[in-house]
């Protein structure tokens, strides 16, 4: 959530300023540069997700609840607590019925976890599988490519925009 990230950057900045006042201006300037990109990201999320045909998504597990709450969309998750948890057949079939009712055509898997359940559900409801990155760790490929929080969240935003059929 870019707004939560802004709060964290401000807190980190304040701790650095307090502990190293001799470099306070540099900490403030660096934080402001990053805060601008986070504000832009928040604005992009707000604008991208405000006019969508669908208001519901399915994810592997509830890792994106904070994002759904911030940008006012509904989250249905295959597993509740952890991506490793196995839902029952009854849970999966109920989720498939709900997905059909809501006309969901994308099931989100995550990076760094097995997407077998997402693929199974997607096959059941004739949907595609897309990726949302929970930012739990960058791969070597992402690091070499210069990916960071802002770029990965931008990709998440585009994936959500596409799945929810946003204008």
Protein backbone atom coordinates (compact mmCIF):
# COMPACT_ATOMS: atom_id res chain seq x y z
CA UNK A 1 0.00 0.00 0.00
CA UNK A 2 1.72 3.20 -1.13
CA UNK A 3 0.12 5.26 1.66
CA UNK A 4 1.47 2.88 4.30
CA UNK A 5 4.85 2.99 2.56
CA UNK A 6 4.82 6.81 2.79
CA UNK A 7 4.25 6.57 6.54
CA UNK A 8 7.14 4.14 6.88
CA UNK A 9 9.48 6.35 4.84
CA UNK A 10 8.57 9.35 7.02
CA UNK A 11 9.24 7.35 10.20
CA UNK A 12 12.57 6.09 8.92
CA UNK A 13 13.54 9.62 7.86
CA UNK A 14 12.66 10.96 11.31
CA UNK A 15 14.75 8.29 13.08
CA UNK A 16 17.76 9.01 10.86
CA UNK A 17 17.40 12.76 11.40
CA UNK A 18 17.17 12.26 15.16
CA UNK A 19 20.14 9.88 15.36
CA UNK A 20 22.36 11.69 12.85
CA UNK A 21 21.42 15.39 12.86
CA UNK A 22 24.58 16.30 10.97
CA UNK A 23 23.13 14.69 7.85
CA UNK A 24 19.50 15.64 8.49
CA UNK A 25 19.11 17.66 5.31
CA UNK A 26 20.32 14.79 3.13
CA UNK A 27 17.88 12.41 4.84
CA UNK A 28 15.04 14.87 4.32
CA UNK A 29 15.89 15.40 0.67
CA UNK A 30 16.26 11.69 -0.09
CA UNK A 31 13.01 10.91 1.70
CA UNK A 32 11.18 13.65 -0.20
CA UNK A 33 12.31 12.26 -3.56
CA UNK A 34 10.98 8.83 -2.62
CA UNK A 35 7.80 10.26 -1.10
CA UNK A 36 7.04 11.99 -4.40
CA UNK A 37 7.24 8.66 -6.25
CA UNK A 38 5.02 7.03 -3.61
CA UNK A 39 2.46 9.85 -3.89
CA UNK A 40 2.48 9.41 -7.66
CA UNK A 41 1.99 5.66 -7.23
CA UNK A 42 -0.93 6.21 -4.85
CA UNK A 43 -2.50 8.62 -7.34
CA UNK A 44 -2.02 6.11 -10.16
CA UNK A 45 -3.74 3.39 -8.10
CA UNK A 46 -6.60 5.73 -7.20
CA UNK A 47 -7.14 6.84 -10.79
CA UNK A 48 -6.65 3.41 -12.37
CA UNK A 49 -9.08 1.58 -10.10
CA UNK A 50 -11.88 4.12 -9.75
CA UNK A 51 -13.94 3.10 -12.79
CA UNK A 52 -13.98 -0.67 -13.19
CA UNK A 53 -16.53 -3.12 -14.52
CA UNK A 54 -15.63 -5.61 -11.81
CA UNK A 55 -15.01 -4.85 -8.17
CA UNK A 56 -13.86 -8.30 -7.04
CA UNK A 57 -10.67 -10.30 -7.44
CA UNK A 58 -9.53 -13.76 -6.38
CA UNK A 59 -6.07 -14.21 -4.90
CA UNK A 60 -4.08 -17.16 -3.60
CA UNK A 61 -4.33 -15.89 -0.04
CA UNK A 62 -5.37 -12.73 1.76
CA UNK A 63 -2.01 -10.96 1.47
CA UNK A 64 -3.55 -8.08 -0.47
CA UNK A 65 -6.37 -7.19 1.94
CA UNK A 66 -4.67 -3.88 2.79
CA UNK A 67 -4.64 -2.94 -0.90
CA UNK A 68 -8.27 -3.94 -1.39
CA UNK A 69 -9.30 -1.86 1.59
CA UNK A 70 -7.30 1.19 0.49
CA UNK A 71 -8.60 1.17 -3.09
CA UNK A 72 -12.13 -0.11 -2.40
CA UNK A 73 -12.31 -3.46 -4.14
CA UNK A 74 -13.29 -6.86 -2.77
CA UNK A 75 -10.88 -9.68 -2.23
CA UNK A 76 -11.79 -13.35 -2.28
CA UNK A 77 -8.96 -15.66 -1.30
CA UNK A 78 -8.38 -19.32 -2.02
CA UNK A 79 -6.67 -19.78 1.33
CA UNK A 80 -7.13 -17.45 4.26
CA UNK A 81 -4.02 -17.38 6.39
CA UNK A 82 -1.07 -18.73 4.45
CA UNK A 83 -0.40 -19.61 0.84
CA UNK A 84 0.55 -23.15 1.91
CA UNK A 85 -2.86 -23.89 3.48
CA UNK A 86 -5.03 -26.32 1.52
CA UNK A 87 -8.68 -25.34 1.16
CA UNK A 88 -11.35 -28.04 1.21
CA UNK A 89 -13.21 -29.15 -1.91
CA UNK A 90 -16.31 -27.45 -0.49
CA UNK A 91 -14.39 -24.15 -0.11
CA UNK A 92 -13.01 -24.33 -3.66
CA UNK A 93 -16.36 -25.22 -5.22
CA UNK A 94 -18.06 -22.39 -3.30
CA UNK A 95 -15.39 -19.98 -4.47
CA UNK A 96 -15.84 -21.18 -8.06
CA UNK A 97 -19.60 -20.56 -7.83
CA UNK A 98 -19.01 -17.09 -6.41
CA UNK A 99 -16.41 -16.29 -9.08
CA UNK A 100 -18.85 -17.26 -11.83
CA UNK A 101 -21.60 -15.16 -10.25
CA UNK A 102 -19.24 -12.16 -10.07
CA UNK A 103 -17.98 -12.79 -13.63
CA UNK A 104 -14.36 -12.95 -12.47
CA UNK A 105 -12.02 -13.94 -15.30
CA UNK A 106 -8.65 -13.66 -13.56
CA UNK A 107 -7.28 -15.61 -10.61
CA UNK A 108 -4.17 -14.12 -9.04
CA UNK A 109 -1.24 -16.22 -7.96
CA UNK A 110 1.84 -14.82 -6.25
CA UNK A 111 5.50 -14.79 -6.94
CA UNK A 112 7.56 -17.12 -4.75
CA UNK A 113 4.65 -19.53 -4.06
CA UNK A 114 3.15 -22.53 -5.84
CA UNK A 115 0.29 -21.46 -8.07
CA UNK A 116 -1.33 -24.90 -8.48
CA UNK A 117 -4.52 -23.93 -6.60
CA UNK A 118 -4.84 -20.73 -8.60
CA UNK A 119 -4.45 -22.68 -11.85
CA UNK A 120 -6.99 -25.28 -10.71
CA UNK A 121 -9.58 -22.64 -9.84
CA UNK A 122 -8.87 -20.68 -13.02
CA UNK A 123 -9.42 -23.82 -15.10
CA UNK A 124 -12.67 -24.50 -13.26
CA UNK A 125 -14.11 -21.04 -13.97
CA UNK A 126 -12.53 -20.58 -17.41
CA UNK A 127 -10.26 -17.78 -16.23
CA UNK A 128 -6.64 -16.83 -16.68
CA UNK A 129 -3.95 -16.74 -14.00
CA UNK A 130 -2.10 -13.48 -13.41
CA UNK A 131 0.58 -12.58 -10.90
CA UNK A 132 0.50 -10.19 -7.98
CA UNK A 133 3.81 -9.65 -6.23
CA UNK A 134 3.52 -9.34 -2.42
CA UNK A 135 7.05 -7.88 -2.34
CA UNK A 136 8.27 -10.44 0.18
CA UNK A 137 11.54 -10.69 -1.64
CA UNK A 138 12.97 -9.66 -4.97
CA UNK A 139 14.41 -12.36 -7.20
CA UNK A 140 17.93 -12.02 -8.59
CA UNK A 141 16.41 -11.26 -12.01
CA UNK A 142 14.30 -8.43 -10.53
CA UNK A 143 17.28 -6.98 -8.68
CA UNK A 144 19.47 -7.04 -11.80
CA UNK A 145 16.63 -5.42 -13.77
CA UNK A 146 16.53 -2.56 -11.24
CA UNK A 147 13.08 -3.42 -9.87
CA UNK A 148 11.99 -1.85 -6.61
CA UNK A 149 8.84 -1.27 -4.55
CA UNK A 150 7.48 1.41 -6.88
CA UNK A 151 8.07 -0.54 -10.11
CA UNK A 152 6.67 -3.81 -8.74
CA UNK A 153 3.62 -2.08 -7.28
CA UNK A 154 3.14 -0.42 -10.66
CA UNK A 155 3.00 -3.89 -12.23
CA UNK A 156 0.53 -5.00 -9.55
CA UNK A 157 -1.61 -1.96 -10.36
CA UNK A 158 -1.62 -2.79 -14.06
CA UNK A 159 -2.56 -6.41 -13.33
CA UNK A 160 -5.45 -5.30 -11.10
CA UNK A 161 -6.60 -2.77 -13.67
CA UNK A 162 -6.68 -5.44 -16.35
CA UNK A 163 -8.42 -8.07 -14.18
CA UNK A 164 -11.11 -5.67 -12.99
CA UNK A 165 -11.69 -4.25 -16.48
CA UNK A 166 -10.94 -0.69 -15.47
CA UNK A 167 -11.15 2.28 -17.84
